[in-house]
Amino acid sequence: MPVKKRKTYELDIIDLAFGGKGLAKPDGFPVFVDRCVPGDRVFVKISKKKKSWAEGRLINIVTPSPLRQEARCEYNRFCGGCKWQQLPYERQLEYKKRHVVESLAHIGRLKDVRVTDVVPSDDIYEYRNKMEFSCSSMRWLMPEELADESVKKGFGIGLHVPGTFDKVIDIHNCHIMPGLGNAILETIRSFVAGSGLAAYHLRRHEGFWRFVMLRHSVARDQWMVNLVTSEKKAGCH
């Protein structure tokens, strides 16, 4: 089956490639598809085609893999913050170890390197001690918001849709950040929204509020908040 750009195909995901993308091999030709789990049968549209590989955009899952589980995060299918919540944690560790082994052999050209099992984290969620969020004057709408005509594009603070610079999801509950971080982010969101100053427009390159950085010290249980703006302005502190 020849794979062509902009054409759609029904493919079986047989593996996870380095970086976390699903791998299909129609007639032995590698096609990488994000947001997939080995065992998924998916309907994809080819977005990039090279001589020896291609990338596809997931349209829908025809038959879900037995490995697939419900992700805790409501943004998981669209956000670039974390992508493997739909895969059991034990399987995540197996694939990560294998990716190290394959990288040493194929990229480093090192033979017979002993790679030990991945040491599991005590915390699967609420472990990230640093998060960076983008401010946007035109936030990206979730599918359920698109169906609601009363919802309008406007100010948002969040993470980017993978592969984009201007599509920011308005994140209200990030599960990889400690819970208090979400409360802090909501306080910042209210402050910025009520400041009378515009969030940055990522295409027109105008506006004031640009980024929010939150850092948590586990040892001291203290938070650092850093608001990044496009210019210095008196009274904004």
C-alpha atoms as a PDB file:
ATOM      1  CA  MET A   1       0.000   0.000   0.000  1.00  0.00           C
ATOM      2  CA  PRO A   2       1.756   3.207  -1.143  1.00  0.00           C
ATOM      3  CA  VAL A   3       1.422   5.990   1.435  1.00  0.00           C
ATOM      4  CA  LYS A   4       0.690   9.444   0.025  1.00  0.00           C
ATOM      5  CA  LYS A   5       0.580  12.857   1.667  1.00  0.00           C
ATOM      6  CA  ARG A   6      -2.881  14.255   2.517  1.00  0.00           C
ATOM      7  CA  LYS A   7      -4.468  10.840   1.977  1.00  0.00           C
ATOM      8  CA  THR A   8      -6.324   9.000   4.755  1.00  0.00           C
ATOM      9  CA  TYR A   9      -5.644   5.431   5.886  1.00  0.00           C
ATOM     10  CA  GLU A  10      -6.782   2.934   8.484  1.00  0.00           C
ATOM     11  CA  LEU A  11      -3.670   1.658  10.259  1.00  0.00           C
ATOM     12  CA  ASP A  12      -2.688  -0.695  13.066  1.00  0.00           C
ATOM     13  CA  ILE A  13      -0.331   0.736  15.680  1.00  0.00           C
ATOM     14  CA  ILE A  14       2.247  -1.928  16.470  1.00  0.00           C
ATOM     15  CA  ASP A  15       4.757  -0.089  18.670  1.00  0.00           C
ATOM     16  CA  LEU A  16       5.782   3.165  20.373  1.00  0.00           C
ATOM     17  CA  ALA A  17       8.688   5.003  18.784  1.00  0.00           C
ATOM     18  CA  PHE A  18      11.233   7.170  20.592  1.00  0.00           C
ATOM     19  CA  GLY A  19       9.453  10.372  21.645  1.00  0.00           C
ATOM     20  CA  GLY A  20       6.195   8.563  22.290  1.00  0.00           C
ATOM     21  CA  LYS A  21       4.560   8.480  18.870  1.00  0.00           C
ATOM     22  CA  GLY A  22       2.710   5.390  17.778  1.00  0.00           C
ATOM     23  CA  LEU A  23       4.274   3.373  14.970  1.00  0.00           C
ATOM     24  CA  ALA A  24       2.394   1.709  12.135  1.00  0.00           C
ATOM     25  CA  LYS A  25       4.064  -0.159   9.265  1.00  0.00           C
ATOM     26  CA  PRO A  26       1.747  -0.614   6.278  1.00  0.00           C
ATOM     27  CA  ASP A  27       3.681  -2.892   3.909  1.00  0.00           C
ATOM     28  CA  GLY A  28       6.779  -2.269   6.049  1.00  0.00           C
ATOM     29  CA  PHE A  29       6.716   1.527   5.582  1.00  0.00           C
ATOM     30  CA  PRO A  30       7.015   3.389   8.937  1.00  0.00           C
ATOM     31  CA  VAL A  31       4.227   5.849   9.745  1.00  0.00           C
ATOM     32  CA  PHE A  32       4.381   7.763  13.031  1.00  0.00           C
ATOM     33  CA  VAL A  33       1.123   8.873  14.664  1.00  0.00           C
ATOM     34  CA  ASP A  34       0.877  10.883  17.877  1.00  0.00           C
ATOM     35  CA  ARG A  35      -1.563  10.042  20.706  1.00  0.00           C
ATOM     36  CA  CYS A  36      -1.667   6.336  19.930  1.00  0.00           C
ATOM     37  CA  VAL A  37      -1.087   3.141  21.934  1.00  0.00           C
ATOM     38  CA  PRO A  38       0.198  -0.184  20.573  1.00  0.00           C
ATOM     39  CA  GLY A  39      -2.829  -2.264  19.641  1.00  0.00           C
ATOM     40  CA  ASP A  40      -4.914   0.709  18.478  1.00  0.00           C
ATOM     41  CA  ARG A  41      -6.502   0.561  15.047  1.00  0.00           C
ATOM     42  CA  VAL A  42      -6.696   4.173  13.893  1.00  0.00           C
ATOM     43  CA  PHE A  43      -7.887   6.342  11.046  1.00  0.00           C
ATOM     44  CA  VAL A  44      -5.203   8.884  10.120  1.00  0.00           C
ATOM     45  CA  LYS A  45      -4.390  11.543   7.546  1.00  0.00           C
ATOM     46  CA  ILE A  46      -0.802  11.675   6.289  1.00  0.00           C
ATOM     47  CA  SER A  47       0.614  15.113   7.151  1.00  0.00           C
ATOM     48  CA  LYS A  48       4.258  14.588   6.180  1.00  0.00           C
ATOM     49  CA  LYS A  49       5.839  12.169   3.723  1.00  0.00           C
ATOM     50  CA  LYS A  50       9.557  11.442   3.331  1.00  0.00           C
ATOM     51  CA  LYS A  51      11.368   8.813   1.307  1.00  0.00           C
ATOM     52  CA  SER A  52      11.675   6.317   4.147  1.00  0.00           C
ATOM     53  CA  TRP A  53       8.959   7.382   6.639  1.00  0.00           C
ATOM     54  CA  ALA A  54       5.825   9.444   7.111  1.00  0.00           C
ATOM     55  CA  GLU A  55       3.819  11.167   9.846  1.00  0.00           C
ATOM     56  CA  GLY A  56       0.062  10.939  10.223  1.00  0.00           C
ATOM     57  CA  ARG A  57      -2.480  13.013  12.131  1.00  0.00           C
ATOM     58  CA  LEU A  58      -4.923  10.999  14.204  1.00  0.00           C
ATOM     59  CA  ILE A  59      -8.507  11.508  13.070  1.00  0.00           C
ATOM     60  CA  ASN A  60     -10.171   8.908  15.247  1.00  0.00           C
ATOM     61  CA  ILE A  61      -9.576   5.577  16.964  1.00  0.00           C
ATOM     62  CA  VAL A  62     -11.412   2.815  15.096  1.00  0.00           C
ATOM     63  CA  THR A  63     -10.669   0.089  17.663  1.00  0.00           C
ATOM     64  CA  PRO A  64      -8.943   0.979  20.959  1.00  0.00           C
ATOM     65  CA  SER A  65      -6.036  -1.094  22.221  1.00  0.00           C
ATOM     66  CA  PRO A  66      -6.540  -3.394  25.245  1.00  0.00           C
ATOM     67  CA  LEU A  67      -3.668  -1.393  26.772  1.00  0.00           C
ATOM     68  CA  ARG A  68      -5.506   1.910  26.494  1.00  0.00           C
ATOM     69  CA  GLN A  69      -6.849   3.429  29.713  1.00  0.00           C
ATOM     70  CA  GLU A  70      -8.813   6.592  30.479  1.00  0.00           C
ATOM     71  CA  ALA A  71      -6.479   9.522  31.084  1.00  0.00           C
ATOM     72  CA  ARG A  72      -7.050  11.505  34.263  1.00  0.00           C
ATOM     73  CA  CYS A  73      -6.456  14.835  32.533  1.00  0.00           C
ATOM     74  CA  GLU A  74      -9.271  16.325  30.463  1.00  0.00           C
ATOM     75  CA  TYR A  75      -6.727  18.063  28.207  1.00  0.00           C
ATOM     76  CA  ASN A  76      -4.629  14.943  27.564  1.00  0.00           C
ATOM     77  CA  ARG A  77      -5.731  14.399  23.963  1.00  0.00           C
ATOM     78  CA  PHE A  78      -4.755  17.928  22.940  1.00  0.00           C
ATOM     79  CA  CYS A  79      -2.130  19.336  25.318  1.00  0.00           C
ATOM     80  CA  GLY A  80       1.626  19.018  24.910  1.00  0.00           C
ATOM     81  CA  GLY A  81       2.356  18.835  28.644  1.00  0.00           C
ATOM     82  CA  CYS A  82       2.146  15.043  28.952  1.00  0.00           C
ATOM     83  CA  LYS A  83       1.065  12.422  26.436  1.00  0.00           C
ATOM     84  CA  TRP A  84       1.216   8.967  28.025  1.00  0.00           C
ATOM     85  CA  GLN A  85      -1.580   9.071  30.602  1.00  0.00           C
ATOM     86  CA  GLN A  86      -3.607   6.701  28.430  1.00  0.00           C
ATOM     87  CA  LEU A  87      -0.906   4.035  28.916  1.00  0.00           C
ATOM     88  CA  PRO A  88      -0.540   2.171  32.253  1.00  0.00           C
ATOM     89  CA  TYR A  89       2.479   3.436  34.182  1.00  0.00           C
ATOM     90  CA  GLU A  90       4.164   0.022  34.273  1.00  0.00           C
ATOM     91  CA  ARG A  91       4.038  -0.127  30.472  1.00  0.00           C
ATOM     92  CA  GLN A  92       5.406   3.411  30.239  1.00  0.00           C
ATOM     93  CA  LEU A  93       8.490   2.294  32.155  1.00  0.00           C
ATOM     94  CA  GLU A  94       8.971  -0.710  29.861  1.00  0.00           C
ATOM     95  CA  TYR A  95       8.878   1.431  26.728  1.00  0.00           C
ATOM     96  CA  LYS A  96      11.180   4.083  28.197  1.00  0.00           C
ATOM     97  CA  LYS A  97      13.795   1.466  29.044  1.00  0.00           C
ATOM     98  CA  ARG A  98      13.564  -0.010  25.561  1.00  0.00           C
ATOM     99  CA  HIS A  99      13.954   3.424  23.982  1.00  0.00           C
ATOM    100  CA  VAL A 100      17.207   3.909  25.917  1.00  0.00           C
ATOM    101  CA  VAL A 101      18.462   0.506  24.766  1.00  0.00           C
ATOM    102  CA  GLU A 102      17.562   1.245  21.135  1.00  0.00           C
ATOM    103  CA  SER A 103      19.103   4.732  21.242  1.00  0.00           C
ATOM    104  CA  LEU A 104      22.409   3.396  22.564  1.00  0.00           C
ATOM    105  CA  ALA A 105      22.495   0.702  19.877  1.00  0.00           C
ATOM    106  CA  HIS A 106      21.210   2.617  16.843  1.00  0.00           C
ATOM    107  CA  ILE A 107      22.339   6.184  17.541  1.00  0.00           C
ATOM    108  CA  GLY A 108      25.328   5.658  19.811  1.00  0.00           C
ATOM    109  CA  ARG A 109      26.359   2.434  18.030  1.00  0.00           C
ATOM    110  CA  LEU A 110      27.222   0.914  21.399  1.00  0.00           C
ATOM    111  CA  LYS A 111      26.880  -2.840  21.737  1.00  0.00           C
ATOM    112  CA  ASP A 112      25.997  -4.951  24.754  1.00  0.00           C
ATOM    113  CA  VAL A 113      25.391  -1.992  27.087  1.00  0.00           C
ATOM    114  CA  ARG A 114      23.642  -3.113  30.246  1.00  0.00           C
ATOM    115  CA  VAL A 115      20.561  -0.988  30.899  1.00  0.00           C
ATOM    116  CA  THR A 116      18.816  -1.502  34.223  1.00  0.00           C
ATOM    117  CA  ASP A 117      15.072  -1.206  34.740  1.00  0.00           C
ATOM    118  CA  VAL A 118      13.652   2.295  35.081  1.00  0.00           C
ATOM    119  CA  VAL A 119      13.237   3.263  38.739  1.00  0.00           C
ATOM    120  CA  PRO A 120       9.523   4.118  39.157  1.00  0.00           C
ATOM    121  CA  SER A 121       8.531   7.432  40.649  1.00  0.00           C
ATOM    122  CA  ASP A 122       6.721   7.469  43.979  1.00  0.00           C
ATOM    123  CA  ASP A 123       4.382  10.093  42.527  1.00  0.00           C
ATOM    124  CA  ILE A 124       2.798   9.622  39.123  1.00  0.00           C
ATOM    125  CA  TYR A 125       0.873  12.893  39.438  1.00  0.00           C
ATOM    126  CA  GLU A 126       1.625  16.255  41.096  1.00  0.00           C
ATOM    127  CA  TYR A 127       5.384  15.728  40.789  1.00  0.00           C
ATOM    128  CA  ARG A 128       6.514  18.542  38.445  1.00  0.00           C
ATOM    129  CA  ASN A 129       8.336  21.281  40.347  1.00  0.00           C
ATOM    130  CA  LYS A 130       8.419  23.765  37.482  1.00  0.00           C
ATOM    131  CA  MET A 131       5.718  24.748  35.000  1.00  0.00           C
ATOM    132  CA  GLU A 132       5.691  27.441  32.329  1.00  0.00           C
ATOM    133  CA  PHE A 133       2.404  28.704  30.893  1.00  0.00           C
ATOM    134  CA  SER A 134       1.756  31.055  27.977  1.00  0.00           C
ATOM    135  CA  CYS A 135      -0.720  33.937  28.057  1.00  0.00           C
ATOM    136  CA  SER A 136      -2.869  34.368  24.983  1.00  0.00           C
ATOM    137  CA  SER A 137      -5.477  36.897  23.899  1.00  0.00           C
ATOM    138  CA  MET A 138      -7.084  34.250  21.653  1.00  0.00           C
ATOM    139  CA  ARG A 139      -7.121  30.922  23.477  1.00  0.00           C
ATOM    140  CA  TRP A 140      -7.654  27.637  21.625  1.00  0.00           C
ATOM    141  CA  LEU A 141     -11.105  26.148  22.176  1.00  0.00           C
ATOM    142  CA  MET A 142     -11.677  22.540  23.232  1.00  0.00           C
ATOM    143  CA  PRO A 143     -14.042  20.485  21.012  1.00  0.00           C
ATOM    144  CA  GLU A 144     -16.931  20.742  23.484  1.00  0.00           C
ATOM    145  CA  GLU A 145     -16.458  24.529  23.572  1.00  0.00           C
ATOM    146  CA  LEU A 146     -16.604  24.730  19.792  1.00  0.00           C
ATOM    147  CA  ALA A 147     -20.045  23.127  19.949  1.00  0.00           C
ATOM    148  CA  ASP A 148     -21.271  25.841  22.345  1.00  0.00           C
ATOM    149  CA  GLU A 149     -22.016  29.058  20.462  1.00  0.00           C
ATOM    150  CA  SER A 150     -21.994  31.049  23.711  1.00  0.00           C
ATOM    151  CA  VAL A 151     -18.290  30.308  24.218  1.00  0.00           C
ATOM    152  CA  LYS A 152     -16.021  32.869  22.605  1.00  0.00           C
ATOM    153  CA  LYS A 153     -12.316  32.935  21.997  1.00  0.00           C
ATOM    154  CA  GLY A 154     -10.575  35.256  24.412  1.00  0.00           C
ATOM    155  CA  PHE A 155      -7.997  35.455  27.153  1.00  0.00           C
ATOM    156  CA  GLY A 156      -6.398  32.264  28.422  1.00  0.00           C
ATOM    157  CA  ILE A 157      -3.334  30.961  30.256  1.00  0.00           C
ATOM    158  CA  GLY A 158      -2.096  27.477  29.543  1.00  0.00           C
ATOM    159  CA  LEU A 159      -0.009  25.101  27.454  1.00  0.00           C
ATOM    160  CA  HIS A 160       0.380  24.809  23.702  1.00  0.00           C
ATOM    161  CA  VAL A 161      -1.179  22.307  21.357  1.00  0.00           C
ATOM    162  CA  PRO A 162       1.847  20.244  20.173  1.00  0.00           C
ATOM    163  CA  GLY A 163       3.475  21.549  17.020  1.00  0.00           C
ATOM    164  CA  THR A 164       1.903  25.020  17.260  1.00  0.00           C
ATOM    165  CA  PHE A 165       3.125  28.371  18.542  1.00  0.00           C
ATOM    166  CA  ASP A 166      -0.205  30.208  18.681  1.00  0.00           C
ATOM    167  CA  LYS A 167      -2.701  27.616  19.992  1.00  0.00           C
ATOM    168  CA  VAL A 168      -2.832  27.909  23.791  1.00  0.00           C
ATOM    169  CA  ILE A 169      -5.238  25.713  25.780  1.00  0.00           C
ATOM    170  CA  ASP A 170      -6.725  27.507  28.798  1.00  0.00           C
ATOM    171  CA  ILE A 171      -5.560  25.109  31.542  1.00  0.00           C
ATOM    172  CA  HIS A 172      -7.515  25.134  34.824  1.00  0.00           C
ATOM    173  CA  ASN A 173      -6.301  21.879  36.357  1.00  0.00           C
ATOM    174  CA  CYS A 174      -2.907  20.412  35.525  1.00  0.00           C
ATOM    175  CA  HIS A 175      -2.458  17.008  37.163  1.00  0.00           C
ATOM    176  CA  ILE A 176       1.323  16.863  36.914  1.00  0.00           C
ATOM    177  CA  MET A 177       1.669  20.067  38.969  1.00  0.00           C
ATOM    178  CA  PRO A 178       1.067  20.089  42.762  1.00  0.00           C
ATOM    179  CA  GLY A 179      -2.526  21.025  43.597  1.00  0.00           C
ATOM    180  CA  LEU A 180      -1.649  24.381  45.155  1.00  0.00           C
ATOM    181  CA  GLY A 181      -0.056  25.372  41.864  1.00  0.00           C
ATOM    182  CA  ASN A 182      -3.454  25.206  40.182  1.00  0.00           C
ATOM    183  CA  ALA A 183      -4.911  27.491  42.858  1.00  0.00           C
ATOM    184  CA  ILE A 184      -2.048  29.936  42.335  1.00  0.00           C
ATOM    185  CA  LEU A 185      -2.623  29.844  38.587  1.00  0.00           C
ATOM    186  CA  GLU A 186      -6.312  30.672  39.086  1.00  0.00           C
ATOM    187  CA  THR A 187      -5.354  33.682  41.240  1.00  0.00           C
ATOM    188  CA  ILE A 188      -2.964  34.861  38.523  1.00  0.00           C
ATOM    189  CA  ARG A 189      -5.643  34.321  35.874  1.00  0.00           C
ATOM    190  CA  SER A 190      -8.080  36.557  37.786  1.00  0.00           C
ATOM    191  CA  PHE A 191      -5.402  39.206  38.372  1.00  0.00           C
ATOM    192  CA  VAL A 192      -4.367  39.322  34.712  1.00  0.00           C
ATOM    193  CA  ALA A 193      -7.973  39.341  33.473  1.00  0.00           C
ATOM    194  CA  GLY A 194      -8.794  42.259  35.757  1.00  0.00           C
ATOM    195  CA  SER A 195      -5.639  44.257  35.087  1.00  0.00           C
ATOM    196  CA  GLY A 196      -7.012  46.134  32.098  1.00  0.00           C
ATOM    197  CA  LEU A 197      -3.943  45.106  30.096  1.00  0.00           C
ATOM    198  CA  ALA A 198      -4.138  42.742  27.141  1.00  0.00           C
ATOM    199  CA  ALA A 199      -2.561  39.310  26.978  1.00  0.00           C
ATOM    200  CA  TYR A 200      -0.048  38.835  24.212  1.00  0.00           C
ATOM    201  CA  HIS A 201      -1.316  38.115  20.707  1.00  0.00           C
ATOM    202  CA  LEU A 202       1.008  35.440  19.378  1.00  0.00           C
ATOM    203  CA  ARG A 203       0.502  36.323  15.725  1.00  0.00           C
ATOM    204  CA  ARG A 204       0.312  40.122  15.861  1.00  0.00           C
ATOM    205  CA  HIS A 205       3.094  40.329  18.478  1.00  0.00           C
ATOM    206  CA  GLU A 206       1.293  42.865  20.597  1.00  0.00           C
ATOM    207  CA  GLY A 207      -0.087  42.853  24.125  1.00  0.00           C
ATOM    208  CA  PHE A 208       1.391  42.952  27.633  1.00  0.00           C
ATOM    209  CA  TRP A 209       1.098  39.646  29.535  1.00  0.00           C
ATOM    210  CA  ARG A 210       3.333  36.922  28.047  1.00  0.00           C
ATOM    211  CA  PHE A 211       4.246  34.028  30.365  1.00  0.00           C
ATOM    212  CA  VAL A 212       3.675  32.613  33.846  1.00  0.00           C
ATOM    213  CA  MET A 213       6.364  30.489  35.488  1.00  0.00           C
ATOM    214  CA  LEU A 214       5.644  28.572  38.698  1.00  0.00           C
ATOM    215  CA  ARG A 215       8.392  26.790  40.609  1.00  0.00           C
ATOM    216  CA  HIS A 216       7.856  24.689  43.738  1.00  0.00           C
ATOM    217  CA  SER A 217      10.549  23.827  46.295  1.00  0.00           C
ATOM    218  CA  VAL A 218       9.823  20.359  47.668  1.00  0.00           C
ATOM    219  CA  ALA A 219      12.402  20.778  50.440  1.00  0.00           C
ATOM    220  CA  ARG A 220      10.967  24.063  51.716  1.00  0.00           C
ATOM    221  CA  ASP A 221       7.408  23.721  50.396  1.00  0.00           C
ATOM    222  CA  GLN A 222       7.626  27.238  48.975  1.00  0.00           C
ATOM    223  CA  TRP A 223       6.523  28.647  45.626  1.00  0.00           C
ATOM    224  CA  MET A 224       8.148  31.128  43.293  1.00  0.00           C
ATOM    225  CA  VAL A 225       5.917  32.988  40.838  1.00  0.00           C
ATOM    226  CA  ASN A 226       7.408  34.767  37.826  1.00  0.00           C
ATOM    227  CA  LEU A 227       5.220  36.859  35.520  1.00  0.00           C
ATOM    228  CA  VAL A 228       6.868  37.765  32.223  1.00  0.00           C
ATOM    229  CA  THR A 229       5.602  40.791  30.292  1.00  0.00           C
ATOM    230  CA  SER A 230       6.445  42.255  26.903  1.00  0.00           C
ATOM    231  CA  GLU A 231       7.623  45.535  28.443  1.00  0.00           C
ATOM    232  CA  LYS A 232       8.223  47.251  31.764  1.00  0.00           C
ATOM    233  CA  LYS A 233       5.168  49.109  33.027  1.00  0.00           C
ATOM    234  CA  ALA A 234       4.757  51.002  36.286  1.00  0.00           C
ATOM    235  CA  GLY A 235       2.094  49.773  38.714  1.00  0.00           C
ATOM    236  CA  CYS A 236       2.187  46.133  37.570  1.00  0.00           C
ATOM    237  CA  HIS A 237       3.769  44.562  40.631  1.00  0.00           C
END
